[in-house]
Amino acid sequence: NTLVDRLIDADPYLTAHRPAMIRRLGHIQRMRERVTEGRVGLLDLA
């Protein structure tokens, strides 16, 4: 929610798309957890 607030502060026209941005940022976090499986860091994975 804090990250979305920062995006909207930079561009208020994004306010109407707040739910979509929350979903996308959550998807990025889940992708990170999925590829690292909680066992390795992202740099080690790469």
ModelCIF file with pLDDT and N, C-alpha, C, O atoms, coordinates in Angstrom:
data_MODEL
#
_entry.id   MODEL 
#
_entity.id                         1 
_entity.type                       polymer 
_entity.pdbx_number_of_molecules   1 
#
_entity_poly.entity_id                      1 
_entity_poly.type                           'polypeptide(L)' 
_entity_poly.nstd_linkage                   no 
_entity_poly.nstd_monomer                   no 
_entity_poly.pdbx_seq_one_letter_code       NTLVDRLIDADPYLTAHRPAMIRRLGHIQRMRERVTEGRVGLLDLA 
_entity_poly.pdbx_seq_one_letter_code_can   NTLVDRLIDADPYLTAHRPAMIRRLGHIQRMRERVTEGRVGLLDLA 
_entity_poly.pdbx_strand_id                 A 
#
loop_
_entity_poly_seq.entity_id 
_entity_poly_seq.num 
_entity_poly_seq.mon_id 
_entity_poly_seq.hetero 
1 1  ASN n 
1 2  THR n 
1 3  LEU n 
1 4  VAL n 
1 5  ASP n 
1 6  ARG n 
1 7  LEU n 
1 8  ILE n 
1 9  ASP n 
1 10 ALA n 
1 11 ASP n 
1 12 PRO n 
1 13 TYR n 
1 14 LEU n 
1 15 THR n 
1 16 ALA n 
1 17 HIS n 
1 18 ARG n 
1 19 PRO n 
1 20 ALA n 
1 21 MET n 
1 22 ILE n 
1 23 ARG n 
1 24 ARG n 
1 25 LEU n 
1 26 GLY n 
1 27 HIS n 
1 28 ILE n 
1 29 GLN n 
1 30 ARG n 
1 31 MET n 
1 32 ARG n 
1 33 GLU n 
1 34 ARG n 
1 35 VAL n 
1 36 THR n 
1 37 GLU n 
1 38 GLY n 
1 39 ARG n 
1 40 VAL n 
1 41 GLY n 
1 42 LEU n 
1 43 LEU n 
1 44 ASP n 
1 45 LEU n 
1 46 ALA n 
#
_struct_asym.id          A 
_struct_asym.entity_id   1 
#
loop_
_ma_qa_metric.id 
_ma_qa_metric.mode 
_ma_qa_metric.name 
_ma_qa_metric.software_group_id 
_ma_qa_metric.type 
1 global pLDDT . pLDDT 
2 local  pLDDT . pLDDT 
#
_ma_qa_metric_global.metric_id      1 
_ma_qa_metric_global.metric_value   95.46 
_ma_qa_metric_global.model_id       1 
_ma_qa_metric_global.ordinal_id     1 
#
loop_
_ma_qa_metric_local.label_asym_id 
_ma_qa_metric_local.label_comp_id 
_ma_qa_metric_local.label_seq_id 
_ma_qa_metric_local.metric_id 
_ma_qa_metric_local.metric_value 
_ma_qa_metric_local.model_id 
_ma_qa_metric_local.ordinal_id 
A ASN 1  2 95.00 1 1  
A THR 2  2 95.00 1 2  
A LEU 3  2 95.00 1 3  
A VAL 4  2 96.00 1 4  
A ASP 5  2 95.00 1 5  
A ARG 6  2 95.00 1 6  
A LEU 7  2 95.00 1 7  
A ILE 8  2 95.00 1 8  
A ASP 9  2 94.00 1 9  
A ALA 10 2 93.00 1 10 
A ASP 11 2 94.00 1 11 
A PRO 12 2 95.00 1 12 
A TYR 13 2 94.00 1 13 
A LEU 14 2 96.00 1 14 
A THR 15 2 97.00 1 15 
A ALA 16 2 97.00 1 16 
A HIS 17 2 97.00 1 17 
A ARG 18 2 97.00 1 18 
A PRO 19 2 96.00 1 19 
A ALA 20 2 96.00 1 20 
A MET 21 2 97.00 1 21 
A ILE 22 2 97.00 1 22 
A ARG 23 2 97.00 1 23 
A ARG 24 2 97.00 1 24 
A LEU 25 2 97.00 1 25 
A GLY 26 2 97.00 1 26 
A HIS 27 2 97.00 1 27 
A ILE 28 2 97.00 1 28 
A GLN 29 2 96.00 1 29 
A ARG 30 2 96.00 1 30 
A MET 31 2 97.00 1 31 
A ARG 32 2 96.00 1 32 
A GLU 33 2 96.00 1 33 
A ARG 34 2 96.00 1 34 
A VAL 35 2 97.00 1 35 
A THR 36 2 96.00 1 36 
A GLU 37 2 91.00 1 37 
A GLY 38 2 86.00 1 38 
A ARG 39 2 88.00 1 39 
A VAL 40 2 92.00 1 40 
A GLY 41 2 95.00 1 41 
A LEU 42 2 97.00 1 42 
A LEU 43 2 97.00 1 43 
A ASP 44 2 97.00 1 44 
A LEU 45 2 97.00 1 45 
A ALA 46 2 98.00 1 46 
#
loop_
_atom_site.group_PDB 
_atom_site.id 
_atom_site.type_symbol 
_atom_site.label_atom_id 
_atom_site.label_alt_id 
_atom_site.label_comp_id 
_atom_site.label_asym_id 
_atom_site.label_entity_id 
_atom_site.label_seq_id 
_atom_site.pdbx_PDB_ins_code 
_atom_site.Cartn_x 
_atom_site.Cartn_y 
_atom_site.Cartn_z 
_atom_site.occupancy 
_atom_site.B_iso_or_equiv 
_atom_site.pdbx_formal_charge 
_atom_site.auth_seq_id 
_atom_site.auth_comp_id 
_atom_site.auth_asym_id 
_atom_site.auth_atom_id 
_atom_site.pdbx_PDB_model_num 
ATOM 1   N N  . ASN A 1 1  ? 0.823  -1.208  0.000   1.00 95.00 ? 1  ASN A N  1 
ATOM 2   C CA . ASN A 1 1  ? 0.000  0.000   0.000   1.00 95.00 ? 1  ASN A CA 1 
ATOM 3   C C  . ASN A 1 1  ? 0.857  1.258   0.000   1.00 95.00 ? 1  ASN A C  1 
ATOM 4   O O  . ASN A 1 1  ? 0.511  2.254   -0.635  1.00 95.00 ? 1  ASN A O  1 
ATOM 5   N N  . THR A 1 2  ? 1.987  1.207   0.722   1.00 95.00 ? 2  THR A N  1 
ATOM 6   C CA . THR A 1 2  ? 2.895  2.358   0.750   1.00 95.00 ? 2  THR A CA 1 
ATOM 7   C C  . THR A 1 2  ? 3.502  2.591   -0.636  1.00 95.00 ? 2  THR A C  1 
ATOM 8   O O  . THR A 1 2  ? 3.625  3.733   -1.080  1.00 95.00 ? 2  THR A O  1 
ATOM 9   N N  . LEU A 1 3  ? 3.880  1.503   -1.317  1.00 95.00 ? 3  LEU A N  1 
ATOM 10  C CA . LEU A 1 3  ? 4.454  1.629   -2.657  1.00 95.00 ? 3  LEU A CA 1 
ATOM 11  C C  . LEU A 1 3  ? 3.433  2.205   -3.634  1.00 95.00 ? 3  LEU A C  1 
ATOM 12  O O  . LEU A 1 3  ? 3.768  3.040   -4.474  1.00 95.00 ? 3  LEU A O  1 
ATOM 13  N N  . VAL A 1 4  ? 2.196  1.758   -3.518  1.00 96.00 ? 4  VAL A N  1 
ATOM 14  C CA . VAL A 1 4  ? 1.151  2.289   -4.389  1.00 96.00 ? 4  VAL A CA 1 
ATOM 15  C C  . VAL A 1 4  ? 0.932  3.770   -4.113  1.00 96.00 ? 4  VAL A C  1 
ATOM 16  O O  . VAL A 1 4  ? 0.714  4.549   -5.040  1.00 96.00 ? 4  VAL A O  1 
ATOM 17  N N  . ASP A 1 5  ? 0.989  4.162   -2.843  1.00 95.00 ? 5  ASP A N  1 
ATOM 18  C CA . ASP A 1 5  ? 0.857  5.581   -2.496  1.00 95.00 ? 5  ASP A CA 1 
ATOM 19  C C  . ASP A 1 5  ? 1.943  6.404   -3.182  1.00 95.00 ? 5  ASP A C  1 
ATOM 20  O O  . ASP A 1 5  ? 1.684  7.513   -3.649  1.00 95.00 ? 5  ASP A O  1 
ATOM 21  N N  . ARG A 1 6  ? 3.144  5.869   -3.242  1.00 95.00 ? 6  ARG A N  1 
ATOM 22  C CA . ARG A 1 6  ? 4.251  6.593   -3.877  1.00 95.00 ? 6  ARG A CA 1 
ATOM 23  C C  . ARG A 1 6  ? 4.013  6.725   -5.383  1.00 95.00 ? 6  ARG A C  1 
ATOM 24  O O  . ARG A 1 6  ? 4.306  7.765   -5.972  1.00 95.00 ? 6  ARG A O  1 
ATOM 25  N N  . LEU A 1 7  ? 3.485  5.679   -5.997  1.00 95.00 ? 7  LEU A N  1 
ATOM 26  C CA . LEU A 1 7  ? 3.167  5.760   -7.424  1.00 95.00 ? 7  LEU A CA 1 
ATOM 27  C C  . LEU A 1 7  ? 2.093  6.807   -7.695  1.00 95.00 ? 7  LEU A C  1 
ATOM 28  O O  . LEU A 1 7  ? 2.188  7.572   -8.655  1.00 95.00 ? 7  LEU A O  1 
ATOM 29  N N  . ILE A 1 8  ? 1.079  6.835   -6.847  1.00 95.00 ? 8  ILE A N  1 
ATOM 30  C CA . ILE A 1 8  ? -0.014 7.788   -7.041  1.00 95.00 ? 8  ILE A CA 1 
ATOM 31  C C  . ILE A 1 8  ? 0.454  9.215   -6.745  1.00 95.00 ? 8  ILE A C  1 
ATOM 32  O O  . ILE A 1 8  ? 0.009  10.160  -7.396  1.00 95.00 ? 8  ILE A O  1 
ATOM 33  N N  . ASP A 1 9  ? 1.343  9.373   -5.774  1.00 94.00 ? 9  ASP A N  1 
ATOM 34  C CA . ASP A 1 9  ? 1.903  10.704  -5.515  1.00 94.00 ? 9  ASP A CA 1 
ATOM 35  C C  . ASP A 1 9  ? 2.631  11.228  -6.747  1.00 94.00 ? 9  ASP A C  1 
ATOM 36  O O  . ASP A 1 9  ? 2.578  12.421  -7.046  1.00 94.00 ? 9  ASP A O  1 
ATOM 37  N N  . ALA A 1 10 ? 3.314  10.328  -7.463  1.00 93.00 ? 10 ALA A N  1 
ATOM 38  C CA . ALA A 1 10 ? 4.044  10.736  -8.664  1.00 93.00 ? 10 ALA A CA 1 
ATOM 39  C C  . ALA A 1 10 ? 3.103  10.992  -9.832  1.00 93.00 ? 10 ALA A C  1 
ATOM 40  O O  . ALA A 1 10 ? 3.408  11.803  -10.708 1.00 93.00 ? 10 ALA A O  1 
ATOM 41  N N  . ASP A 1 11 ? 1.963  10.309  -9.855  1.00 94.00 ? 11 ASP A N  1 
ATOM 42  C CA . ASP A 1 11 ? 1.002  10.455  -10.951 1.00 94.00 ? 11 ASP A CA 1 
ATOM 43  C C  . ASP A 1 11 ? -0.412 10.252  -10.404 1.00 94.00 ? 11 ASP A C  1 
ATOM 44  O O  . ASP A 1 11 ? -0.886 9.118   -10.344 1.00 94.00 ? 11 ASP A O  1 
ATOM 45  N N  . PRO A 1 12 ? -1.084 11.318  -10.008 1.00 95.00 ? 12 PRO A N  1 
ATOM 46  C CA . PRO A 1 12 ? -2.432 11.189  -9.416  1.00 95.00 ? 12 PRO A CA 1 
ATOM 47  C C  . PRO A 1 12 ? -3.463 10.528  -10.324 1.00 95.00 ? 12 PRO A C  1 
ATOM 48  O O  . PRO A 1 12 ? -4.474 10.024  -9.835  1.00 95.00 ? 12 PRO A O  1 
ATOM 49  N N  . TYR A 1 13 ? -3.228 10.518  -11.646 1.00 94.00 ? 13 TYR A N  1 
ATOM 50  C CA . TYR A 1 13 ? -4.181 9.866   -12.550 1.00 94.00 ? 13 TYR A CA 1 
ATOM 51  C C  . TYR A 1 13 ? -4.254 8.354   -12.318 1.00 94.00 ? 13 TYR A C  1 
ATOM 52  O O  . TYR A 1 13 ? -5.161 7.692   -12.823 1.00 94.00 ? 13 TYR A O  1 
ATOM 53  N N  . LEU A 1 14 ? -3.306 7.811   -11.558 1.00 96.00 ? 14 LEU A N  1 
ATOM 54  C CA . LEU A 1 14 ? -3.307 6.385   -11.272 1.00 96.00 ? 14 LEU A CA 1 
ATOM 55  C C  . LEU A 1 14 ? -4.278 6.001   -10.164 1.00 96.00 ? 14 LEU A C  1 
ATOM 56  O O  . LEU A 1 14 ? -4.487 4.815   -9.906  1.00 96.00 ? 14 LEU A O  1 
ATOM 57  N N  . THR A 1 15 ? -4.869 6.987   -9.511  1.00 97.00 ? 15 THR A N  1 
ATOM 58  C CA . THR A 1 15 ? -5.731 6.709   -8.367  1.00 97.00 ? 15 THR A CA 1 
ATOM 59  C C  . THR A 1 15 ? -6.830 5.716   -8.716  1.00 97.00 ? 15 THR A C  1 
ATOM 60  O O  . THR A 1 15 ? -7.132 4.824   -7.924  1.00 97.00 ? 15 THR A O  1 
ATOM 61  N N  . ALA A 1 16 ? -7.419 5.859   -9.869  1.00 97.00 ? 16 ALA A N  1 
ATOM 62  C CA . ALA A 1 16 ? -8.528 4.987   -10.264 1.00 97.00 ? 16 ALA A CA 1 
ATOM 63  C C  . ALA A 1 16 ? -8.095 3.537   -10.459 1.00 97.00 ? 16 ALA A C  1 
ATOM 64  O O  . ALA A 1 16 ? -8.930 2.633   -10.484 1.00 97.00 ? 16 ALA A O  1 
ATOM 65  N N  . HIS A 1 17 ? -6.795 3.320   -10.597 1.00 97.00 ? 17 HIS A N  1 
ATOM 66  C CA . HIS A 1 17 ? -6.287 1.979   -10.871 1.00 97.00 ? 17 HIS A CA 1 
ATOM 67  C C  . HIS A 1 17 ? -5.532 1.399   -9.680  1.00 97.00 ? 17 HIS A C  1 
ATOM 68  O O  . HIS A 1 17 ? -4.703 0.503   -9.836  1.00 97.00 ? 17 HIS A O  1 
ATOM 69  N N  . ARG A 1 18 ? -5.824 1.911   -8.501  1.00 97.00 ? 18 ARG A N  1 
ATOM 70  C CA . ARG A 1 18 ? -5.154 1.442   -7.292  1.00 97.00 ? 18 ARG A CA 1 
ATOM 71  C C  . ARG A 1 18 ? -5.281 -0.082  -7.093  1.00 97.00 ? 18 ARG A C  1 
ATOM 72  O O  . ARG A 1 18 ? -4.274 -0.731  -6.813  1.00 97.00 ? 18 ARG A O  1 
ATOM 73  N N  . PRO A 1 19 ? -6.478 -0.673  -7.226  1.00 96.00 ? 19 PRO A N  1 
ATOM 74  C CA . PRO A 1 19 ? -6.569 -2.132  -7.049  1.00 96.00 ? 19 PRO A CA 1 
ATOM 75  C C  . PRO A 1 19 ? -5.665 -2.915  -8.005  1.00 96.00 ? 19 PRO A C  1 
ATOM 76  O O  . PRO A 1 19 ? -5.066 -3.917  -7.614  1.00 96.00 ? 19 PRO A O  1 
ATOM 77  N N  . ALA A 1 20 ? -5.568 -2.459  -9.252  1.00 96.00 ? 20 ALA A N  1 
ATOM 78  C CA . ALA A 1 20 ? -4.718 -3.150  -10.219 1.00 96.00 ? 20 ALA A CA 1 
ATOM 79  C C  . ALA A 1 20 ? -3.245 -3.042  -9.829  1.00 96.00 ? 20 ALA A C  1 
ATOM 80  O O  . ALA A 1 20 ? -2.484 -3.997  -9.985  1.00 96.00 ? 20 ALA A O  1 
ATOM 81  N N  . MET A 1 21 ? -2.852 -1.882  -9.325  1.00 97.00 ? 21 MET A N  1 
ATOM 82  C CA . MET A 1 21 ? -1.457 -1.711  -8.926  1.00 97.00 ? 21 MET A CA 1 
ATOM 83  C C  . MET A 1 21 ? -1.123 -2.548  -7.694  1.00 97.00 ? 21 MET A C  1 
ATOM 84  O O  . MET A 1 21 ? -0.025 -3.095  -7.593  1.00 97.00 ? 21 MET A O  1 
ATOM 85  N N  . ILE A 1 22 ? -2.062 -2.648  -6.763  1.00 97.00 ? 22 ILE A N  1 
ATOM 86  C CA . ILE A 1 22 ? -1.861 -3.513  -5.597  1.00 97.00 ? 22 ILE A CA 1 
ATOM 87  C C  . ILE A 1 22 ? -1.677 -4.959  -6.054  1.00 97.00 ? 22 ILE A C  1 
ATOM 88  O O  . ILE A 1 22 ? -0.799 -5.666  -5.560  1.00 97.00 ? 22 ILE A O  1 
ATOM 89  N N  . ARG A 1 23 ? -2.509 -5.391  -7.001  1.00 97.00 ? 23 ARG A N  1 
ATOM 90  C CA . ARG A 1 23 ? -2.388 -6.752  -7.516  1.00 97.00 ? 23 ARG A CA 1 
ATOM 91  C C  . ARG A 1 23 ? -1.036 -6.974  -8.196  1.00 97.00 ? 23 ARG A C  1 
ATOM 92  O O  . ARG A 1 23 ? -0.412 -8.017  -8.003  1.00 97.00 ? 23 ARG A O  1 
ATOM 93  N N  . ARG A 1 24 ? -0.584 -6.010  -8.984  1.00 97.00 ? 24 ARG A N  1 
ATOM 94  C CA . ARG A 1 24 ? 0.682  -6.171  -9.709  1.00 97.00 ? 24 ARG A CA 1 
ATOM 95  C C  . ARG A 1 24 ? 1.869  -6.232  -8.761  1.00 97.00 ? 24 ARG A C  1 
ATOM 96  O O  . ARG A 1 24 ? 2.746  -7.081  -8.917  1.00 97.00 ? 24 ARG A O  1 
ATOM 97  N N  . LEU A 1 25 ? 1.903  -5.346  -7.788  1.00 97.00 ? 25 LEU A N  1 
ATOM 98  C CA . LEU A 1 25 ? 3.025  -5.349  -6.851  1.00 97.00 ? 25 LEU A CA 1 
ATOM 99  C C  . LEU A 1 25 ? 3.019  -6.621  -6.019  1.00 97.00 ? 25 LEU A C  1 
ATOM 100 O O  . LEU A 1 25 ? 4.076  -7.154  -5.682  1.00 97.00 ? 25 LEU A O  1 
ATOM 101 N N  . GLY A 1 26 ? 1.821  -7.109  -5.686  1.00 97.00 ? 26 GLY A N  1 
ATOM 102 C CA . GLY A 1 26 ? 1.741  -8.393  -4.994  1.00 97.00 ? 26 GLY A CA 1 
ATOM 103 C C  . GLY A 1 26 ? 2.238  -9.527  -5.869  1.00 97.00 ? 26 GLY A C  1 
ATOM 104 O O  . GLY A 1 26 ? 2.867  -10.466 -5.382  1.00 97.00 ? 26 GLY A O  1 
ATOM 105 N N  . HIS A 1 27 ? 1.957  -9.442  -7.152  1.00 97.00 ? 27 HIS A N  1 
ATOM 106 C CA . HIS A 1 27 ? 2.413  -10.481 -8.088  1.00 97.00 ? 27 HIS A CA 1 
ATOM 107 C C  . HIS A 1 27 ? 3.935  -10.497 -8.174  1.00 97.00 ? 27 HIS A C  1 
ATOM 108 O O  . HIS A 1 27 ? 4.538  -11.567 -8.255  1.00 97.00 ? 27 HIS A O  1 
ATOM 109 N N  . ILE A 1 28 ? 4.561  -9.322  -8.157  1.00 97.00 ? 28 ILE A N  1 
ATOM 110 C CA . ILE A 1 28 ? 6.027  -9.254  -8.183  1.00 97.00 ? 28 ILE A CA 1 
ATOM 111 C C  . ILE A 1 28 ? 6.605  -9.927  -6.942  1.00 97.00 ? 28 ILE A C  1 
ATOM 112 O O  . ILE A 1 28 ? 7.561  -10.697 -7.041  1.00 97.00 ? 28 ILE A O  1 
ATOM 113 N N  . GLN A 1 29 ? 6.033  -9.640  -5.781  1.00 96.00 ? 29 GLN A N  1 
ATOM 114 C CA . GLN A 1 29 ? 6.524  -10.253 -4.545  1.00 96.00 ? 29 GLN A CA 1 
ATOM 115 C C  . GLN A 1 29 ? 6.320  -11.768 -4.572  1.00 96.00 ? 29 GLN A C  1 
ATOM 116 O O  . GLN A 1 29 ? 7.202  -12.522 -4.159  1.00 96.00 ? 29 GLN A O  1 
ATOM 117 N N  . ARG A 1 30 ? 5.174  -12.208 -5.051  1.00 96.00 ? 30 ARG A N  1 
ATOM 118 C CA . ARG A 1 30 ? 4.924  -13.655 -5.115  1.00 96.00 ? 30 ARG A CA 1 
ATOM 119 C C  . ARG A 1 30 ? 5.849  -14.325 -6.120  1.00 96.00 ? 30 ARG A C  1 
ATOM 120 O O  . ARG A 1 30 ? 6.279  -15.457 -5.900  1.00 96.00 ? 30 ARG A O  1 
ATOM 121 N N  . MET A 1 31 ? 6.164  -13.639 -7.229  1.00 97.00 ? 31 MET A N  1 
ATOM 122 C CA . MET A 1 31 ? 7.091  -14.197 -8.198  1.00 97.00 ? 31 MET A CA 1 
ATOM 123 C C  . MET A 1 31 ? 8.477  -14.355 -7.582  1.00 97.00 ? 31 MET A C  1 
ATOM 124 O O  . MET A 1 31 ? 9.143  -15.367 -7.801  1.00 97.00 ? 31 MET A O  1 
ATOM 125 N N  . ARG A 1 32 ? 8.914  -13.357 -6.811  1.00 96.00 ? 32 ARG A N  1 
ATOM 126 C CA . ARG A 1 32 ? 10.207 -13.458 -6.145  1.00 96.00 ? 32 ARG A CA 1 
ATOM 127 C C  . ARG A 1 32 ? 10.232 -14.667 -5.204  1.00 96.00 ? 32 ARG A C  1 
ATOM 128 O O  . ARG A 1 32 ? 11.197 -15.432 -5.192  1.00 96.00 ? 32 ARG A O  1 
ATOM 129 N N  . GLU A 1 33 ? 9.163  -14.831 -4.418  1.00 96.00 ? 33 GLU A N  1 
ATOM 130 C CA . GLU A 1 33 ? 9.090  -15.954 -3.491  1.00 96.00 ? 33 GLU A CA 1 
ATOM 131 C C  . GLU A 1 33 ? 9.018  -17.281 -4.235  1.00 96.00 ? 33 GLU A C  1 
ATOM 132 O O  . GLU A 1 33 ? 9.574  -18.285 -3.790  1.00 96.00 ? 33 GLU A O  1 
ATOM 133 N N  . ARG A 1 34 ? 8.333  -17.276 -5.364  1.00 96.00 ? 34 ARG A N  1 
ATOM 134 C CA . ARG A 1 34 ? 8.167  -18.511 -6.121  1.00 96.00 ? 34 ARG A CA 1 
ATOM 135 C C  . ARG A 1 34 ? 9.479  -18.981 -6.733  1.00 96.00 ? 34 ARG A C  1 
ATOM 136 O O  . ARG A 1 34 ? 9.794  -20.170 -6.687  1.00 96.00 ? 34 ARG A O  1 
ATOM 137 N N  . VAL A 1 35 ? 10.245 -18.058 -7.306  1.00 97.00 ? 35 VAL A N  1 
ATOM 138 C CA . VAL A 1 35 ? 11.479 -18.477 -7.984  1.00 97.00 ? 35 VAL A CA 1 
ATOM 139 C C  . VAL A 1 35 ? 12.592 -18.785 -6.999  1.00 97.00 ? 35 VAL A C  1 
ATOM 140 O O  . VAL A 1 35 ? 13.437 -19.637 -7.274  1.00 97.00 ? 35 VAL A O  1 
ATOM 141 N N  . THR A 1 36 ? 12.611 -18.105 -5.851  1.00 96.00 ? 36 THR A N  1 
ATOM 142 C CA . THR A 1 36 ? 13.655 -18.379 -4.853  1.00 96.00 ? 36 THR A CA 1 
ATOM 143 C C  . THR A 1 36 ? 13.247 -19.489 -3.907  1.00 96.00 ? 36 THR A C  1 
ATOM 144 O O  . THR A 1 36 ? 14.099 -20.063 -3.229  1.00 96.00 ? 36 THR A O  1 
ATOM 145 N N  . GLU A 1 37 ? 11.950 -19.807 -3.844  1.00 91.00 ? 37 GLU A N  1 
ATOM 146 C CA . GLU A 1 37 ? 11.390 -20.843 -2.971  1.00 91.00 ? 37 GLU A CA 1 
ATOM 147 C C  . GLU A 1 37 ? 11.759 -20.619 -1.506  1.00 91.00 ? 37 GLU A C  1 
ATOM 148 O O  . GLU A 1 37 ? 11.718 -21.545 -0.696  1.00 91.00 ? 37 GLU A O  1 
ATOM 149 N N  . GLY A 1 38 ? 12.119 -19.385 -1.180  1.00 86.00 ? 38 GLY A N  1 
ATOM 150 C CA . GLY A 1 38 ? 12.477 -19.071 0.193   1.00 86.00 ? 38 GLY A CA 1 
ATOM 151 C C  . GLY A 1 38 ? 13.777 -19.698 0.653   1.00 86.00 ? 38 GLY A C  1 
ATOM 152 O O  . GLY A 1 38 ? 14.101 -19.654 1.839   1.00 86.00 ? 38 GLY A O  1 
ATOM 153 N N  . ARG A 1 39 ? 14.530 -20.286 -0.277  1.00 88.00 ? 39 ARG A N  1 
ATOM 154 C CA . ARG A 1 39 ? 15.758 -21.005 0.093   1.00 88.00 ? 39 ARG A CA 1 
ATOM 155 C C  . ARG A 1 39 ? 17.029 -20.282 -0.304  1.00 88.00 ? 39 ARG A C  1 
ATOM 156 O O  . ARG A 1 39 ? 18.068 -20.447 0.337   1.00 88.00 ? 39 ARG A O  1 
ATOM 157 N N  . VAL A 1 40 ? 16.955 -19.490 -1.347  1.00 92.00 ? 40 VAL A N  1 
ATOM 158 C CA . VAL A 1 40 ? 18.155 -18.792 -1.837  1.00 92.00 ? 40 VAL A CA 1 
ATOM 159 C C  . VAL A 1 40 ? 17.815 -17.326 -2.048  1.00 92.00 ? 40 VAL A C  1 
ATOM 160 O O  . VAL A 1 40 ? 16.652 -16.968 -2.235  1.00 92.00 ? 40 VAL A O  1 
ATOM 161 N N  . GLY A 1 41 ? 18.830 -16.489 -2.015  1.00 95.00 ? 41 GLY A N  1 
ATOM 162 C CA . GLY A 1 41 ? 18.632 -15.093 -2.325  1.00 95.00 ? 41 GLY A CA 1 
ATOM 163 C C  . GLY A 1 41 ? 18.485 -14.894 -3.824  1.00 95.00 ? 41 GLY A C  1 
ATOM 164 O O  . GLY A 1 41 ? 18.861 -15.757 -4.618  1.00 95.00 ? 41 GLY A O  1 
ATOM 165 N N  . LEU A 1 42 ? 17.935 -13.750 -4.201  1.00 97.00 ? 42 LEU A N  1 
ATOM 166 C CA . LEU A 1 42 ? 17.701 -13.491 -5.619  1.00 97.00 ? 42 LEU A CA 1 
ATOM 167 C C  . LEU A 1 42 ? 19.011 -13.436 -6.394  1.00 97.00 ? 42 LEU A C  1 
ATOM 168 O O  . LEU A 1 42 ? 19.069 -13.891 -7.536  1.00 97.00 ? 42 LEU A O  1 
ATOM 169 N N  . LEU A 1 43 ? 20.064 -12.886 -5.791  1.00 97.00 ? 43 LEU A N  1 
ATOM 170 C CA . LEU A 1 43 ? 21.345 -12.810 -6.500  1.00 97.00 ? 43 LEU A CA 1 
ATOM 171 C C  . LEU A 1 43 ? 21.956 -14.188 -6.686  1.00 97.00 ? 43 LEU A C  1 
ATOM 172 O O  . LEU A 1 43 ? 22.574 -14.459 -7.715  1.00 97.00 ? 43 LEU A O  1 
ATOM 173 N N  . ASP A 1 44 ? 21.788 -15.062 -5.698  1.00 97.00 ? 44 ASP A N  1 
ATOM 174 C CA . ASP A 1 44 ? 22.279 -16.433 -5.858  1.00 97.00 ? 44 ASP A CA 1 
ATOM 175 C C  . ASP A 1 44 ? 21.481 -17.172 -6.924  1.00 97.00 ? 44 ASP A C  1 
ATOM 176 O O  . ASP A 1 44 ? 22.038 -17.953 -7.695  1.00 97.00 ? 44 ASP A O  1 
ATOM 177 N N  . LEU A 1 45 ? 20.182 -16.925 -6.964  1.00 97.00 ? 45 LEU A N  1 
ATOM 178 C CA . LEU A 1 45 ? 19.361 -17.547 -8.000  1.00 97.00 ? 45 LEU A CA 1 
ATOM 179 C C  . LEU A 1 45 ? 19.852 -17.152 -9.388  1.00 97.00 ? 45 LEU A C  1 
ATOM 180 O O  . LEU A 1 45 ? 19.851 -17.965 -10.312 1.00 97.00 ? 45 LEU A O  1 
ATOM 181 N N  . ALA A 1 46 ? 20.274 -15.891 -9.524  1.00 98.00 ? 46 ALA A N  1 
ATOM 182 C CA . ALA A 1 46 ? 20.711 -15.372 -10.818 1.00 98.00 ? 46 ALA A CA 1 
ATOM 183 C C  . ALA A 1 46 ? 22.137 -15.810 -11.147 1.00 98.00 ? 46 ALA A C  1 
ATOM 184 O O  . ALA A 1 46 ? 22.663 -15.460 -12.204 1.00 98.00 ? 46 ALA A O  1 
#
